């Protein structure tokens, strides 16, 4: 169960916001002029807009785009594949939660974790914790709410009603009281049961599976694997949902990369002698300064603190 890095690109952020706005309803004449001016301002804006539109459509949205001249389509090779979709920074810099009403019977919400963890008490489905960079859509279904995990990692506890969770190739039914952590990255998705039981359906299979606490199912390129985790492993892979990161003999460079995902103030390792050292322990994912000072004490480095950077010398 891992979370992948997301680049923070304000151009992609603005482009996605425009695509979401176009999906809600036709633009006003003033908004249409503003969008056209933004597209004409920089060729990168046009590329970002096309990428955002492609991702939006690949996620199952029916876009409106009435009255707006779209940029010319790039060559086919420039479009994102399903695998590349898993790496694109869809959620970087966006608002924490956006509501896209549409028609009453098709109302949906999109929650996006902008920085750090996003905690949500969603009346349709229950309690949610979204990892950094995660994009989750909630739709009202005929019998139960539908959740589409488009990108990233989410901790979900069903409350008061059953819930259907969809990922690429993997669908999960959670009865009331069930809890899990799910992770989606393009054609790869997995789910770990934390409480109760769940029913899983995989593309290409006719029958559902019943999974219980500690069961971990992984769907990757039409291949399915099942694992039972120990209590220690369960604690480790769920640590992020409690605001912690647990490292077990992890390369320092990788540990710094994970801490940096959650913080604007980045740790920069400038001492090459420490690059291949390893570290173990449990750390707050939202306090890079404490983590940097611990590394300095362990490895005997100096710390230089700036507003946006903590250097280990």
Protein backbone atom coordinates (compact mmCIF):
# COMPACT_ATOMS: atom_id res chain seq x y z
CA UNK A 1 0.00 0.00 0.00
CA UNK A 2 1.82 3.10 -1.08
CA UNK A 3 1.12 6.67 -2.12
CA UNK A 4 2.76 8.00 -5.23
CA UNK A 5 4.41 11.38 -5.54
CA UNK A 6 2.44 14.24 -7.09
CA UNK A 7 4.11 17.23 -8.68
CA UNK A 8 2.65 20.59 -7.73
CA UNK A 9 1.88 22.44 -10.97
CA UNK A 10 -0.32 25.56 -10.73
CA UNK A 11 -0.99 25.49 -14.50
CA UNK A 12 -2.48 22.00 -14.21
CA UNK A 13 -4.47 23.19 -11.20
CA UNK A 14 -6.06 26.07 -13.12
CA UNK A 15 -6.72 23.84 -16.13
CA UNK A 16 -8.55 21.26 -14.06
CA UNK A 17 -10.62 23.96 -12.39
CA UNK A 18 -11.72 25.20 -15.82
CA UNK A 19 -12.64 21.67 -16.92
CA UNK A 20 -14.68 21.13 -13.76
CA UNK A 21 -16.43 24.48 -14.31
CA UNK A 22 -17.28 23.56 -17.91
CA UNK A 23 -18.73 20.25 -16.74
CA UNK A 24 -21.22 22.00 -14.48
CA UNK A 25 -22.80 24.29 -17.07
CA UNK A 26 -22.02 26.46 -20.11
CA UNK A 27 -19.79 29.42 -19.38
CA UNK A 28 -21.06 32.95 -19.25
CA UNK A 29 -19.75 35.27 -21.95
CA UNK A 30 -17.37 36.83 -19.45
CA UNK A 31 -16.06 33.43 -18.27
CA UNK A 32 -15.72 32.27 -21.86
CA UNK A 33 -13.60 35.31 -22.70
CA UNK A 34 -11.46 34.75 -19.61
CA UNK A 35 -10.81 31.12 -20.53
CA UNK A 36 -9.94 31.99 -24.13
CA UNK A 37 -7.51 34.66 -22.94
CA UNK A 38 -5.85 32.20 -20.55
CA UNK A 39 -5.50 29.57 -23.30
CA UNK A 40 -3.98 32.11 -25.69
CA UNK A 41 -1.53 33.36 -23.08
CA UNK A 42 0.82 30.37 -23.12
CA UNK A 43 1.08 27.15 -25.13
CA UNK A 44 1.54 25.31 -21.83
CA UNK A 45 -1.93 26.44 -20.80
CA UNK A 46 -3.43 24.80 -23.88
CA UNK A 47 -1.57 21.55 -23.23
CA UNK A 48 -2.60 21.50 -19.57
CA UNK A 49 -6.23 22.15 -20.50
CA UNK A 50 -6.23 19.27 -22.99
CA UNK A 51 -4.62 16.91 -20.45
CA UNK A 52 -7.15 17.88 -17.77
CA UNK A 53 -10.04 17.38 -20.17
CA UNK A 54 -8.73 13.94 -21.15
CA UNK A 55 -8.39 12.88 -17.52
CA UNK A 56 -11.86 14.19 -16.69
CA UNK A 57 -13.44 12.22 -19.52
CA UNK A 58 -11.45 9.10 -18.71
CA UNK A 59 -12.88 9.29 -15.18
CA UNK A 60 -16.40 8.96 -16.52
CA UNK A 61 -17.54 12.57 -16.64
CA UNK A 62 -19.76 13.82 -19.47
CA UNK A 63 -18.39 17.26 -20.26
CA UNK A 64 -20.45 20.13 -21.59
CA UNK A 65 -17.98 22.58 -23.17
CA UNK A 66 -20.80 24.43 -24.94
CA UNK A 67 -19.86 27.75 -26.48
CA UNK A 68 -16.13 27.43 -25.87
CA UNK A 69 -13.54 27.02 -28.57
CA UNK A 70 -11.25 24.22 -27.43
CA UNK A 71 -7.53 24.17 -28.19
CA UNK A 72 -6.37 22.08 -31.11
CA UNK A 73 -5.88 18.43 -30.22
CA UNK A 74 -2.25 17.38 -29.70
CA UNK A 75 -0.84 14.28 -31.38
CA UNK A 76 -2.17 11.00 -30.00
CA UNK A 77 1.14 10.31 -28.27
CA UNK A 78 0.62 13.40 -26.09
CA UNK A 79 -2.56 12.01 -24.54
CA UNK A 80 -2.24 10.25 -21.22
CA UNK A 81 -2.54 6.48 -21.14
CA UNK A 82 -4.43 4.88 -18.24
CA UNK A 83 -1.09 4.15 -16.60
CA UNK A 84 0.10 7.72 -17.12
CA UNK A 85 -3.18 8.94 -15.63
CA UNK A 86 -2.06 7.36 -12.37
CA UNK A 87 1.03 9.56 -12.34
CA UNK A 88 -0.50 12.87 -13.39
CA UNK A 89 -0.86 15.54 -10.68
CA UNK A 90 -4.61 15.87 -10.97
CA UNK A 91 -5.21 17.16 -7.47
CA UNK A 92 -2.18 19.39 -6.93
CA UNK A 93 -3.14 22.76 -5.51
CA UNK A 94 -6.89 22.36 -5.93
CA UNK A 95 -9.49 23.26 -3.35
CA UNK A 96 -9.91 20.69 -0.62
CA UNK A 97 -13.44 19.82 -1.71
CA UNK A 98 -15.43 20.79 -4.79
CA UNK A 99 -19.15 20.21 -5.29
CA UNK A 100 -20.31 19.54 -8.84
CA UNK A 101 -24.11 19.50 -8.78
CA UNK A 102 -25.19 18.44 -12.31
CA UNK A 103 -28.72 17.05 -12.43
CA UNK A 104 -30.36 16.32 -9.05
CA UNK A 105 -30.47 12.55 -9.65
CA UNK A 106 -26.82 12.55 -10.75
CA UNK A 107 -25.37 14.86 -8.13
CA UNK A 108 -21.76 14.19 -7.28
CA UNK A 109 -19.06 15.58 -5.05
CA UNK A 110 -15.36 15.49 -5.67
CA UNK A 111 -13.06 15.63 -2.67
CA UNK A 112 -9.41 16.43 -3.26
CA UNK A 113 -6.70 16.45 -0.60
CA UNK A 114 -4.82 19.63 -1.32
CA UNK A 115 -2.10 19.53 1.34
CA UNK A 116 -1.67 16.94 4.02
CA UNK A 117 -4.57 14.74 5.04
CA UNK A 118 -8.21 15.62 4.39
CA UNK A 119 -10.76 14.41 6.98
CA UNK A 120 -14.37 14.30 5.82
CA UNK A 121 -17.61 13.22 7.48
CA UNK A 122 -19.66 12.53 4.36
CA UNK A 123 -23.41 12.16 5.07
CA UNK A 124 -23.92 9.81 2.12
CA UNK A 125 -21.30 7.23 3.03
CA UNK A 126 -19.48 7.75 6.32
CA UNK A 127 -16.05 8.81 7.52
CA UNK A 128 -13.23 9.50 5.06
CA UNK A 129 -9.54 10.25 5.41
CA UNK A 130 -7.86 11.15 2.13
CA UNK A 131 -4.11 10.97 1.72
CA UNK A 132 -2.14 13.81 0.15
CA UNK A 133 -3.05 14.23 -3.52
CA UNK A 134 -6.04 11.85 -3.44
CA UNK A 135 -9.07 12.48 -5.69
CA UNK A 136 -12.37 10.86 -4.70
CA UNK A 137 -15.78 11.28 -6.34
CA UNK A 138 -19.05 10.45 -4.54
CA UNK A 139 -22.27 9.82 -6.47
CA UNK A 140 -25.75 9.05 -5.20
CA UNK A 141 -26.75 5.56 -6.38
CA UNK A 142 -30.20 3.92 -6.47
CA UNK A 143 -29.48 1.71 -3.44
CA UNK A 144 -26.20 2.96 -2.01
CA UNK A 145 -23.76 5.81 -2.62
CA UNK A 146 -21.05 5.14 -5.20
CA UNK A 147 -17.48 6.20 -4.52
CA UNK A 148 -14.96 6.43 -7.36
CA UNK A 149 -11.38 6.50 -6.16
CA UNK A 150 -9.74 8.25 -9.11
CA UNK A 151 -6.29 8.72 -7.65
CA UNK A 152 -4.42 8.14 -4.41
CA UNK A 153 -5.25 6.52 -1.09
CA UNK A 154 -8.33 6.70 1.14
CA UNK A 155 -9.41 5.38 4.54
CA UNK A 156 -13.17 4.69 4.49
CA UNK A 157 -15.58 3.62 7.22
CA UNK A 158 -19.17 2.98 6.10
CA UNK A 159 -21.75 4.56 8.44
CA UNK A 160 -25.54 4.03 8.46
CA UNK A 161 -25.66 2.60 4.93
CA UNK A 162 -23.76 0.24 2.61
CA UNK A 163 -21.27 1.78 0.19
CA UNK A 164 -19.97 0.80 -3.26
CA UNK A 165 -16.34 1.74 -3.97
CA UNK A 166 -15.07 1.62 -7.55
CA UNK A 167 -11.50 1.58 -8.80
CA UNK A 168 -10.08 0.56 -12.15
CA UNK A 169 -10.70 -3.21 -12.34
CA UNK A 170 -11.78 -3.56 -8.72
CA UNK A 171 -15.20 -2.86 -7.13
CA UNK A 172 -15.96 -3.22 -3.44
CA UNK A 173 -19.20 -3.37 -1.44
CA UNK A 174 -18.92 -2.27 2.19
CA UNK A 175 -21.78 -3.05 4.58
CA UNK A 176 -22.52 -0.67 7.44
CA UNK A 177 -19.62 -0.64 9.90
CA UNK A 178 -17.00 -2.03 7.53
CA UNK A 179 -13.71 -0.17 7.18
CA UNK A 180 -10.83 -0.34 4.71
CA UNK A 181 -7.92 1.45 3.12
CA UNK A 182 -7.99 1.59 -0.68
CA UNK A 183 -5.31 2.72 -3.10
CA UNK A 184 -5.68 3.48 -6.81
CA UNK A 185 -3.01 4.29 -9.38
CA UNK A 186 -4.12 3.87 -12.97
CA UNK A 187 -4.54 0.17 -13.79
CA UNK A 188 -3.28 -0.82 -10.33
CA UNK A 189 -5.57 -0.84 -7.29
CA UNK A 190 -5.72 -2.56 -3.91
CA UNK A 191 -7.74 -2.65 -0.72
CA UNK A 192 -6.96 -3.68 2.85
CA UNK A 193 -9.81 -4.63 5.21
CA UNK A 194 -9.55 -2.98 8.63
CA UNK A 195 -12.89 -3.94 10.20
CA UNK A 196 -15.92 -6.05 9.33
CA UNK A 197 -16.06 -7.72 5.93
CA UNK A 198 -16.27 -6.57 2.32
CA UNK A 199 -17.36 -8.07 -1.00
CA UNK A 200 -15.01 -7.60 -3.95
CA UNK A 201 -15.60 -7.91 -7.69
CA UNK A 202 -12.74 -7.94 -10.18
CA UNK A 203 -12.86 -7.42 -13.92
CA UNK A 204 -12.93 -10.78 -15.70
CA UNK A 205 -14.36 -12.70 -12.73
CA UNK A 206 -17.99 -13.76 -12.34
CA UNK A 207 -18.10 -14.40 -8.58
CA UNK A 208 -17.51 -12.06 -5.66
CA UNK A 209 -15.00 -12.64 -2.89
CA UNK A 210 -15.69 -12.12 0.80
CA UNK A 211 -12.72 -10.57 2.62
CA UNK A 212 -12.26 -9.96 6.35
CA UNK A 213 -9.95 -7.95 8.63
CA UNK A 214 -6.26 -8.26 7.66
CA UNK A 215 -7.11 -9.42 4.11
CA UNK A 216 -5.39 -7.41 1.37
CA UNK A 217 -6.46 -7.75 -2.26
CA UNK A 218 -4.41 -6.32 -5.11
CA UNK A 219 -5.51 -5.95 -8.75
CA UNK A 220 -2.73 -5.18 -11.22
CA UNK A 221 -3.02 -5.45 -15.01
CA UNK A 222 -5.70 -8.18 -14.86
CA UNK A 223 -3.81 -10.13 -12.19
CA UNK A 224 -5.25 -10.65 -8.72
CA UNK A 225 -3.31 -11.42 -5.54
CA UNK A 226 -4.50 -11.98 -1.96
CA UNK A 227 -2.42 -11.56 1.19
CA UNK A 228 -3.15 -11.73 4.92
CA UNK A 229 -1.23 -9.08 6.89
CA UNK A 230 -0.01 -9.41 10.45
CA UNK A 231 -1.06 -6.98 13.18
CA UNK A 232 2.33 -5.22 12.90
CA UNK A 233 2.03 -4.83 9.14
CA UNK A 234 -1.53 -3.56 9.53
CA UNK A 235 -0.35 -0.88 11.94
CA UNK A 236 2.48 0.12 9.62
CA UNK A 237 0.46 0.51 6.41
CA UNK A 238 -2.34 2.42 8.15
CA UNK A 239 -0.03 4.81 10.02
CA UNK A 240 -0.52 7.61 7.47
CA UNK A 241 -4.26 7.78 8.31
CA UNK A 242 -3.29 8.62 11.90
CA UNK A 243 -0.90 11.37 10.79
CA UNK A 244 2.19 9.20 11.16
CA UNK A 245 4.83 7.57 8.99
CA UNK A 246 6.45 4.36 10.19
CA UNK A 247 9.83 3.43 8.71
CA UNK A 248 11.51 0.06 9.10
CA UNK A 249 15.11 0.28 7.91
CA UNK A 250 14.12 2.68 5.12
CA UNK A 251 16.71 4.45 2.99
CA UNK A 252 17.07 8.04 4.25
CA UNK A 253 16.52 9.49 0.79
CA UNK A 254 13.21 7.61 0.47
CA UNK A 255 12.15 8.62 3.98
CA UNK A 256 12.81 12.30 3.21
CA UNK A 257 10.86 11.99 -0.04
CA UNK A 258 7.83 10.66 1.85
CA UNK A 259 7.96 13.39 4.51
CA UNK A 260 8.32 16.06 1.81
CA UNK A 261 5.09 14.93 0.12
CA UNK A 262 3.08 16.35 3.01
CA UNK A 263 4.89 19.61 3.66
CA UNK A 264 5.61 22.91 1.90
CA UNK A 265 8.87 23.21 3.82
CA UNK A 266 11.08 20.59 2.15
CA UNK A 267 14.01 18.68 3.61
CA UNK A 268 17.05 18.71 1.32
CA UNK A 269 19.86 16.23 1.99
CA UNK A 270 23.11 17.92 0.95
CA UNK A 271 25.44 15.51 2.74
CA UNK A 272 26.18 12.64 0.27
CA UNK A 273 27.62 10.50 3.06
CA UNK A 274 24.11 10.05 4.48
CA UNK A 275 22.33 9.24 1.22
CA UNK A 276 22.49 5.46 1.64
CA UNK A 277 21.99 5.34 5.41
CA UNK A 278 18.81 3.77 6.80
CA UNK A 279 16.39 4.84 9.48
CA UNK A 280 13.65 3.19 11.54
CA UNK A 281 10.96 4.71 13.73
CA UNK A 282 7.55 6.40 13.83
CA UNK A 283 7.39 10.07 12.88
CA UNK A 284 4.78 12.80 12.44
CA UNK A 285 4.17 13.35 8.75
CA UNK A 286 3.41 17.06 9.33
CA UNK A 287 6.56 18.10 11.24
CA UNK A 288 9.55 18.12 8.89
CA UNK A 289 11.68 20.18 11.27
CA UNK A 290 11.55 17.56 14.04
CA UNK A 291 12.34 14.83 11.52
CA UNK A 292 15.30 16.82 10.16
CA UNK A 293 16.67 17.41 13.65
CA UNK A 294 16.40 13.70 14.45
CA UNK A 295 18.37 12.89 11.30
CA UNK A 296 20.99 15.47 12.28
CA UNK A 297 21.39 13.92 15.72
CA UNK A 298 21.64 10.39 14.32
CA UNK A 299 24.06 11.16 11.49
CA UNK A 300 25.94 14.13 12.94
CA UNK A 301 24.94 16.60 10.22
CA UNK A 302 24.32 20.33 10.50
CA UNK A 303 20.84 21.82 9.91
CA UNK A 304 20.22 25.03 8.01
CA UNK A 305 16.62 26.26 8.28
CA UNK A 306 14.98 28.52 5.70
CA UNK A 307 11.26 29.35 5.21
CA UNK A 308 10.78 26.80 2.42
CA UNK A 309 13.75 24.47 2.93
CA UNK A 310 15.56 22.57 5.66
CA UNK A 311 19.06 21.64 4.55
CA UNK A 312 21.05 18.80 6.08
CA UNK A 313 24.72 19.65 5.58
